[in-house]
Amino acid sequence: MDKLASCNEFALLTFAGLAEVGLQELAVRKDSAYQVERLPNYDFVRCVLVPEDISRLPTLRTVEDVFWLISNPQQVTIKRDLEKLDNLVCSHVLLKGLELKNRLFRPKKPKQPTFNCFVKQDYDRPVHRKEIANRVSTAISATFPKWKNSDPAAIEIWGFYIDQQLHLGFRLSDNRMRYRAQKPVSRRAALRPTIAAALIRTASPHHGERVLDPMCGTGTILSEGVALNTGATFVGGDSDRQAVKLAKQSLNRTNISLQQWDATRLPVDSATIDCIVCNLPFGQQFSTQKDNQDLYPMLIDNWMVRLKAKGRMVLLTADSTTLEYLLQKQNLNWQVAWKVKVLGVWANAYQIFKN
């Protein structure tokens, strides 16, 4: 029998590479059972949770989605295996999932019950993911004929088809979790809030500290910093006038100071910043690796002067070659905290220490 099989088994969906960050945020006990499965762009984390862990699920900010797993993993290797799915989405299972969703995440009550089924997979297999989704949808329709199959839907069953094992989960969260109940930013290379939250948690700002994002874009990192609510002061700016305008709109209820500036010549006094957190140009959309070879030294030189004696930086970039060459050349103390897949590209989160 599966060691993780339990009525209190849940799943966290994070961007690829962030499974451990999500588990640290949830602060699961060291003796808790969990298992990380890998998808092309996501980590799928199965975990057995105690009631106090379950109650914290809606507060997670490094996780894209949360699911209650409705059964043990099902072996699906041939189409005949789909028959076993019919009994998994029975009425008491669907109603329990709905009760959990309503209690934990408090969604708006729909005018009419709607449902849908989605399947993510690790690789193409003989049994197509659409066949799995259709089989589950048909079983739900047979159980609740008045429910309407719709996209988006109030009730979503997601399948995770990994290594020919199908994990079925009742989606408890909705887009409010991954987008913070706001309309997604449509700006190119905009950082997803969950990745920004992971950067802030790695920076670990303390009460009274001054934290700077010198290339803040639309302010996602700053917004996550405020949400962490540690009592730190946040400052940000960007060279793009429109980005600064959008950041001011999204952060209008905060006291964050925002400016348009050149990140290589910051109008910030020396030795006044405790921590810098930034999503650097990856060398793909807004710059090339050749551009970064000129840009990164100017940024790091300028920012180091702004840091206090024991200051630190947390920087995200996919251009690891350029940044690591620079850090080694300047003999700085640094480490890779974690890596994450951003729009199909692996990026590293670097912790850099001035002293």
Protein backbone atom coordinates (compact mmCIF):
# COMPACT_ATOMS: atom_id res chain seq x y z
CA MET A 1 0.00 0.00 0.00
CA ASP A 2 1.13 3.55 -0.72
CA LYS A 3 2.83 4.94 2.40
CA LEU A 4 1.21 8.31 1.86
CA ALA A 5 -2.34 7.05 1.41
CA SER A 6 -4.54 8.98 3.86
CA CYS A 7 -7.79 10.91 3.99
CA ASN A 8 -5.62 13.84 5.08
CA GLU A 9 -3.40 13.65 2.02
CA PHE A 10 -3.02 16.89 0.11
CA ALA A 11 -0.90 18.12 -2.76
CA LEU A 12 0.94 21.38 -3.39
CA LEU A 13 1.67 22.51 -6.95
CA THR A 14 4.69 24.77 -7.28
CA PHE A 15 6.82 25.93 -10.15
CA ALA A 16 9.54 23.38 -10.92
CA GLY A 17 12.27 23.69 -8.30
CA LEU A 18 10.18 25.30 -5.56
CA ALA A 19 8.83 22.18 -3.83
CA GLU A 20 11.20 22.47 -0.87
CA VAL A 21 10.52 26.21 -0.57
CA GLY A 22 6.77 25.51 -0.39
CA LEU A 23 7.27 22.82 2.26
CA GLN A 24 9.43 25.18 4.32
CA GLU A 25 6.74 27.84 4.12
CA LEU A 26 4.07 25.39 5.24
CA ALA A 27 6.46 24.42 8.05
CA VAL A 28 5.47 20.77 7.98
CA ARG A 29 6.86 18.73 10.83
CA LYS A 30 10.12 16.89 10.22
CA ASP A 31 8.38 13.55 10.74
CA SER A 32 5.62 14.38 8.24
CA ALA A 33 5.32 12.12 5.20
CA TYR A 34 5.72 13.82 1.84
CA GLN A 35 6.83 12.95 -1.65
CA VAL A 36 7.89 15.22 -4.53
CA GLU A 37 6.98 14.25 -8.09
CA ARG A 38 8.40 16.13 -11.08
CA LEU A 39 6.44 17.49 -14.04
CA PRO A 40 8.03 19.39 -16.96
CA ASN A 41 7.26 22.83 -15.48
CA TYR A 42 5.96 22.06 -12.00
CA ASP A 43 6.71 20.20 -8.80
CA PHE A 44 3.85 18.10 -7.44
CA VAL A 45 4.20 17.60 -3.68
CA ARG A 46 2.10 14.95 -1.94
CA CYS A 47 1.92 15.34 1.82
CA VAL A 48 -0.07 14.04 4.76
CA LEU A 49 -1.12 17.00 6.93
CA VAL A 50 -2.38 17.40 10.46
CA PRO A 51 -5.28 19.83 11.11
CA GLU A 52 -3.04 22.78 12.00
CA ASP A 53 -1.13 22.32 8.71
CA ILE A 54 -4.40 22.12 6.77
CA SER A 55 -5.64 25.38 8.27
CA ARG A 56 -2.49 27.15 7.00
CA LEU A 57 -2.93 26.09 3.37
CA PRO A 58 -4.77 29.28 2.29
CA THR A 59 -1.91 31.44 3.61
CA LEU A 60 0.78 29.91 1.35
CA ARG A 61 2.37 32.36 -1.07
CA THR A 62 5.08 30.25 -2.77
CA VAL A 63 2.54 27.66 -3.99
CA GLU A 64 0.49 27.93 -7.17
CA ASP A 65 -2.35 25.59 -6.17
CA VAL A 66 -3.52 23.31 -3.37
CA PHE A 67 -5.40 20.00 -3.81
CA TRP A 68 -7.07 17.42 -1.62
CA LEU A 69 -6.14 13.99 -3.02
CA ILE A 70 -9.25 11.87 -3.37
CA SER A 71 -7.63 8.43 -3.72
CA ASN A 72 -4.42 6.44 -3.83
CA PRO A 73 -2.42 6.80 -7.06
CA GLN A 74 -3.98 4.70 -9.82
CA GLN A 75 -1.92 2.67 -12.28
CA VAL A 76 -3.00 3.67 -15.81
CA THR A 77 -1.05 1.88 -18.55
CA ILE A 78 -3.81 0.79 -20.94
CA LYS A 79 -7.24 2.20 -21.77
CA ARG A 80 -8.99 -0.55 -19.83
CA ASP A 81 -7.47 0.95 -16.66
CA LEU A 82 -9.75 3.97 -17.08
CA GLU A 83 -12.69 1.89 -15.85
CA LYS A 84 -11.39 2.05 -12.27
CA LEU A 85 -11.77 5.85 -12.30
CA ASP A 86 -15.58 5.67 -12.44
CA ASN A 87 -15.96 4.89 -8.75
CA LEU A 88 -13.39 7.38 -7.49
CA VAL A 89 -15.45 10.53 -8.07
CA CYS A 90 -18.53 9.39 -6.16
CA SER A 91 -20.92 11.77 -4.44
CA HIS A 92 -19.46 11.69 -0.92
CA VAL A 93 -15.95 12.37 -2.27
CA LEU A 94 -17.08 15.34 -4.35
CA LEU A 95 -19.14 16.75 -1.48
CA LYS A 96 -16.25 16.37 0.97
CA GLY A 97 -13.95 18.19 -1.44
CA LEU A 98 -16.50 20.95 -1.82
CA GLU A 99 -16.83 21.27 1.96
CA LEU A 100 -13.03 21.58 2.32
CA LYS A 101 -12.84 24.18 -0.45
CA ASN A 102 -15.65 26.26 1.06
CA ARG A 103 -14.21 26.05 4.58
CA LEU A 104 -10.60 26.83 3.69
CA PHE A 105 -10.75 29.15 0.69
CA ARG A 106 -14.28 30.63 0.89
CA PRO A 107 -14.99 30.98 -2.86
CA LYS A 108 -17.96 32.89 -4.20
CA LYS A 109 -21.05 30.70 -4.40
CA PRO A 110 -21.83 29.98 -8.07
CA LYS A 111 -25.33 30.47 -9.47
CA GLN A 112 -25.17 26.95 -10.88
CA PRO A 113 -22.80 24.09 -9.94
CA THR A 114 -20.14 23.74 -12.63
CA PHE A 115 -17.24 21.31 -12.94
CA ASN A 116 -14.30 20.41 -15.10
CA CYS A 117 -11.38 18.02 -15.20
CA PHE A 118 -7.79 18.81 -16.23
CA VAL A 119 -4.82 16.47 -16.52
CA LYS A 120 -1.12 17.34 -16.42
CA GLN A 121 1.42 14.69 -17.38
CA ASP A 122 5.15 14.11 -17.32
CA TYR A 123 5.37 12.57 -20.83
CA ASP A 124 3.09 11.50 -23.68
CA ARG A 125 1.79 8.02 -23.02
CA PRO A 126 -0.43 5.39 -24.75
CA VAL A 127 -3.40 6.62 -22.72
CA HIS A 128 -3.92 10.26 -23.67
CA ARG A 129 -4.57 12.80 -20.92
CA LYS A 130 -7.75 13.97 -22.69
CA GLU A 131 -9.11 10.43 -22.45
CA ILE A 132 -8.51 10.50 -18.70
CA ALA A 133 -10.18 13.91 -18.33
CA ASN A 134 -13.19 12.83 -20.39
CA ARG A 135 -13.61 9.63 -18.35
CA VAL A 136 -13.59 11.55 -15.05
CA SER A 137 -15.96 14.19 -16.44
CA THR A 138 -18.38 11.51 -17.58
CA ALA A 139 -18.33 9.92 -14.11
CA ILE A 140 -19.07 13.28 -12.47
CA SER A 141 -21.97 13.91 -14.85
CA ALA A 142 -23.40 10.50 -14.01
CA THR A 143 -23.18 11.28 -10.29
CA PHE A 144 -24.56 14.83 -10.50
CA PRO A 145 -26.53 15.17 -13.78
CA LYS A 146 -27.50 18.78 -13.04
CA TRP A 147 -23.90 19.95 -12.78
CA LYS A 148 -22.70 21.72 -15.91
CA ASN A 149 -19.34 20.95 -17.52
CA SER A 150 -17.71 24.36 -17.91
CA ASP A 151 -14.36 26.11 -18.09
CA PRO A 152 -13.68 27.84 -15.77
CA ALA A 153 -15.64 25.88 -13.19
CA ALA A 154 -16.48 26.09 -9.51
CA ILE A 155 -15.43 22.46 -8.99
CA GLU A 156 -12.24 21.20 -10.63
CA ILE A 157 -10.75 17.72 -10.51
CA TRP A 158 -7.13 17.72 -11.63
CA GLY A 159 -5.24 14.62 -12.63
CA PHE A 160 -1.45 14.38 -12.40
CA TYR A 161 -0.29 11.56 -14.66
CA ILE A 162 3.28 10.80 -13.60
CA ASP A 163 5.24 7.62 -14.37
CA GLN A 164 1.97 5.95 -15.44
CA GLN A 165 0.48 6.69 -12.00
CA LEU A 166 -2.58 8.93 -11.91
CA HIS A 167 -3.04 11.18 -8.87
CA LEU A 168 -6.54 12.67 -8.71
CA GLY A 169 -7.00 15.84 -6.71
CA PHE A 170 -9.89 18.12 -5.85
CA ARG A 171 -8.66 21.66 -6.47
CA LEU A 172 -9.20 23.64 -3.28
CA SER A 173 -7.55 26.89 -4.38
CA ASP A 174 -8.40 29.09 -7.33
CA ASN A 175 -6.67 31.86 -9.27
CA ARG A 176 -6.86 34.15 -6.25
CA MET A 177 -4.03 32.12 -4.74
CA ARG A 178 -1.58 32.35 -7.64
CA TYR A 179 -2.49 35.92 -8.67
CA ARG A 180 -3.30 37.37 -5.21
CA ALA A 181 -6.92 38.09 -6.19
CA GLN A 182 -5.71 40.57 -8.81
CA LYS A 183 -5.76 40.63 -12.59
CA PRO A 184 -2.53 39.05 -13.87
CA VAL A 185 0.06 41.57 -15.08
CA SER A 186 0.32 41.42 -18.87
CA ARG A 187 3.82 42.90 -19.02
CA ARG A 188 6.56 40.89 -20.72
CA ALA A 189 8.83 39.05 -18.31
CA ALA A 190 6.63 39.97 -15.34
CA LEU A 191 7.60 37.84 -12.35
CA ARG A 192 4.97 35.45 -11.01
CA PRO A 193 3.96 36.31 -7.43
CA THR A 194 4.85 32.84 -6.11
CA ILE A 195 8.45 33.18 -7.33
CA ALA A 196 8.65 36.70 -5.92
CA ALA A 197 7.43 35.33 -2.58
CA ALA A 198 10.17 32.69 -2.65
CA LEU A 199 12.78 35.41 -3.20
CA ILE A 200 11.45 37.43 -0.28
CA ARG A 201 11.39 34.41 2.01
CA THR A 202 15.02 33.70 1.07
CA ALA A 203 15.95 37.33 1.81
CA SER A 204 14.19 37.02 5.18
CA PRO A 205 13.82 40.76 5.90
CA HIS A 206 13.78 41.65 9.60
CA HIS A 207 11.97 44.33 11.54
CA GLY A 208 13.52 47.75 10.96
CA GLU A 209 15.57 46.70 7.94
CA ARG A 210 15.56 48.67 4.69
CA VAL A 211 15.01 46.46 1.63
CA LEU A 212 15.51 47.62 -1.96
CA ASP A 213 14.41 46.30 -5.35
CA PRO A 214 16.38 48.43 -7.83
CA MET A 215 14.71 46.92 -10.93
CA CYS A 216 11.23 46.47 -9.49
CA GLY A 217 9.17 46.33 -12.70
CA THR A 218 5.51 46.37 -11.68
CA GLY A 219 6.39 45.85 -8.01
CA THR A 220 5.72 42.14 -7.49
CA ILE A 221 8.72 41.54 -5.21
CA LEU A 222 7.90 44.64 -3.17
CA SER A 223 4.27 43.55 -2.85
CA GLU A 224 5.34 40.16 -1.51
CA GLY A 225 7.70 41.85 0.91
CA VAL A 226 4.87 43.92 2.35
CA ALA A 227 2.66 40.81 2.57
CA LEU A 228 5.29 39.02 4.66
CA ASN A 229 4.66 41.74 7.24
CA THR A 230 7.96 41.61 9.13
CA GLY A 231 8.17 45.34 9.83
CA ALA A 232 10.85 46.03 7.22
CA THR A 233 10.79 49.16 5.03
CA PHE A 234 10.71 48.65 1.25
CA VAL A 235 12.04 50.91 -1.51
CA GLY A 236 11.97 50.34 -5.25
CA GLY A 237 12.42 51.80 -8.70
CA ASP A 238 12.80 50.99 -12.37
CA SER A 239 14.05 52.65 -15.54
CA ASP A 240 10.71 51.97 -17.28
CA ARG A 241 8.28 54.82 -16.64
CA GLN A 242 5.23 52.67 -17.42
CA ALA A 243 6.38 49.92 -15.08
CA VAL A 244 6.81 52.41 -12.24
CA LYS A 245 3.32 53.76 -12.94
CA LEU A 246 1.85 50.24 -12.73
CA ALA A 247 3.82 49.54 -9.55
CA LYS A 248 2.44 52.68 -7.92
CA GLN A 249 -1.09 51.61 -8.85
CA SER A 250 -0.70 48.11 -7.40
CA LEU A 251 1.07 49.38 -4.26
CA ASN A 252 -1.07 52.47 -3.69
CA ARG A 253 -2.19 51.23 -0.27
CA THR A 254 1.36 50.96 1.01
CA ASN A 255 3.95 53.56 1.99
CA ILE A 256 6.60 52.16 -0.37
CA SER A 257 8.77 54.80 -2.02
CA LEU A 258 8.95 54.25 -5.81
CA GLN A 259 11.07 56.14 -8.33
CA GLN A 260 12.09 56.04 -11.96
CA TRP A 261 15.86 55.66 -12.03
CA ASP A 262 18.93 54.10 -13.62
CA ALA A 263 19.76 50.95 -11.63
CA THR A 264 23.47 51.38 -12.42
CA ARG A 265 23.48 54.81 -10.73
CA LEU A 266 21.05 54.58 -7.84
CA PRO A 267 20.13 57.85 -6.08
CA VAL A 268 20.50 56.07 -2.74
CA ASP A 269 23.04 56.95 -0.05
CA SER A 270 25.95 54.60 0.57
CA ALA A 271 25.68 51.98 3.33
CA THR A 272 21.94 52.58 3.94
CA ILE A 273 20.43 49.34 2.59
CA ASP A 274 20.25 46.08 4.53
CA CYS A 275 19.07 43.85 1.69
CA ILE A 276 18.63 44.02 -2.09
CA VAL A 277 16.17 41.64 -3.76
CA CYS A 278 15.96 41.69 -7.54
CA ASN A 279 14.91 39.78 -10.63
CA LEU A 280 17.83 40.47 -12.97
CA PRO A 281 17.57 40.57 -16.79
CA PHE A 282 17.95 36.97 -17.94
CA GLY A 283 19.71 37.87 -21.16
CA GLN A 284 16.75 36.77 -23.28
CA GLN A 285 13.78 39.15 -23.59
CA PHE A 286 15.13 42.55 -22.51
CA SER A 287 18.84 41.86 -22.96
CA THR A 288 21.37 39.41 -24.36
CA GLN A 289 24.14 37.58 -22.54
CA LYS A 290 26.58 40.03 -24.17
CA ASP A 291 24.55 42.91 -22.74
CA ASN A 292 24.66 41.29 -19.31
CA GLN A 293 28.44 40.98 -19.43
CA ASP A 294 28.52 44.78 -19.51
CA LEU A 295 25.45 45.39 -17.31
CA TYR A 296 25.98 43.02 -14.39
CA PRO A 297 29.36 44.49 -13.26
CA MET A 298 27.87 48.00 -13.23
CA LEU A 299 24.88 46.82 -11.22
CA ILE A 300 26.83 44.80 -8.64
CA ASP A 301 29.48 47.52 -8.17
CA ASN A 302 26.83 50.17 -7.59
CA TRP A 303 24.63 48.05 -5.36
CA MET A 304 27.46 46.84 -3.12
CA VAL A 305 28.25 50.44 -2.21
CA ARG A 306 24.62 50.95 -1.12
CA LEU A 307 24.66 47.93 1.18
CA LYS A 308 25.54 48.21 4.85
CA ALA A 309 28.64 46.41 6.10
CA LYS A 310 26.70 43.19 6.79
CA GLY A 311 24.24 43.66 3.93
CA ARG A 312 23.10 40.93 1.57
CA MET A 313 21.49 40.43 -1.83
CA VAL A 314 19.09 37.86 -3.25
CA LEU A 315 19.21 37.88 -7.05
CA LEU A 316 17.36 35.75 -9.60
CA THR A 317 18.81 35.14 -13.04
CA ALA A 318 19.02 32.52 -15.75
CA ASP A 319 22.35 33.97 -16.88
CA SER A 320 24.31 32.06 -14.26
CA THR A 321 27.51 32.01 -16.29
CA THR A 322 27.79 35.80 -16.35
CA LEU A 323 26.82 36.35 -12.72
CA GLU A 324 28.96 33.58 -11.24
CA TYR A 325 32.03 34.71 -13.22
CA LEU A 326 31.53 38.20 -11.80
CA LEU A 327 31.00 37.01 -8.21
CA GLN A 328 34.12 34.86 -8.33
CA LYS A 329 36.14 37.67 -9.90
CA GLN A 330 35.11 40.03 -7.08
CA ASN A 331 35.78 37.32 -4.48
CA LEU A 332 32.30 37.68 -2.99
CA ASN A 333 30.68 35.23 -0.57
CA TRP A 334 27.70 33.65 -2.32
CA GLN A 335 25.61 30.51 -2.72
CA VAL A 336 22.73 29.23 -4.85
CA ALA A 337 19.69 29.00 -2.58
CA TRP A 338 17.40 27.23 -5.08
CA LYS A 339 16.57 27.04 -8.76
CA VAL A 340 13.24 27.49 -10.51
CA LYS A 341 11.91 27.03 -14.01
CA VAL A 342 10.63 30.35 -15.38
CA LEU A 343 8.84 30.25 -18.75
CA GLY A 344 10.67 27.04 -19.63
CA VAL A 345 14.10 28.31 -18.54
CA TRP A 346 15.95 27.35 -15.36
CA ALA A 347 17.01 30.28 -13.21
CA ASN A 348 19.06 30.36 -9.99
CA ALA A 349 18.33 32.37 -6.86
CA TYR A 350 21.63 33.65 -5.46
CA GLN A 351 22.35 34.75 -1.91
CA ILE A 352 25.26 37.19 -1.90
CA PHE A 353 26.84 38.57 1.28
CA LYS A 354 28.85 41.78 1.48
CA ASN A 355 30.86 40.64 4.49
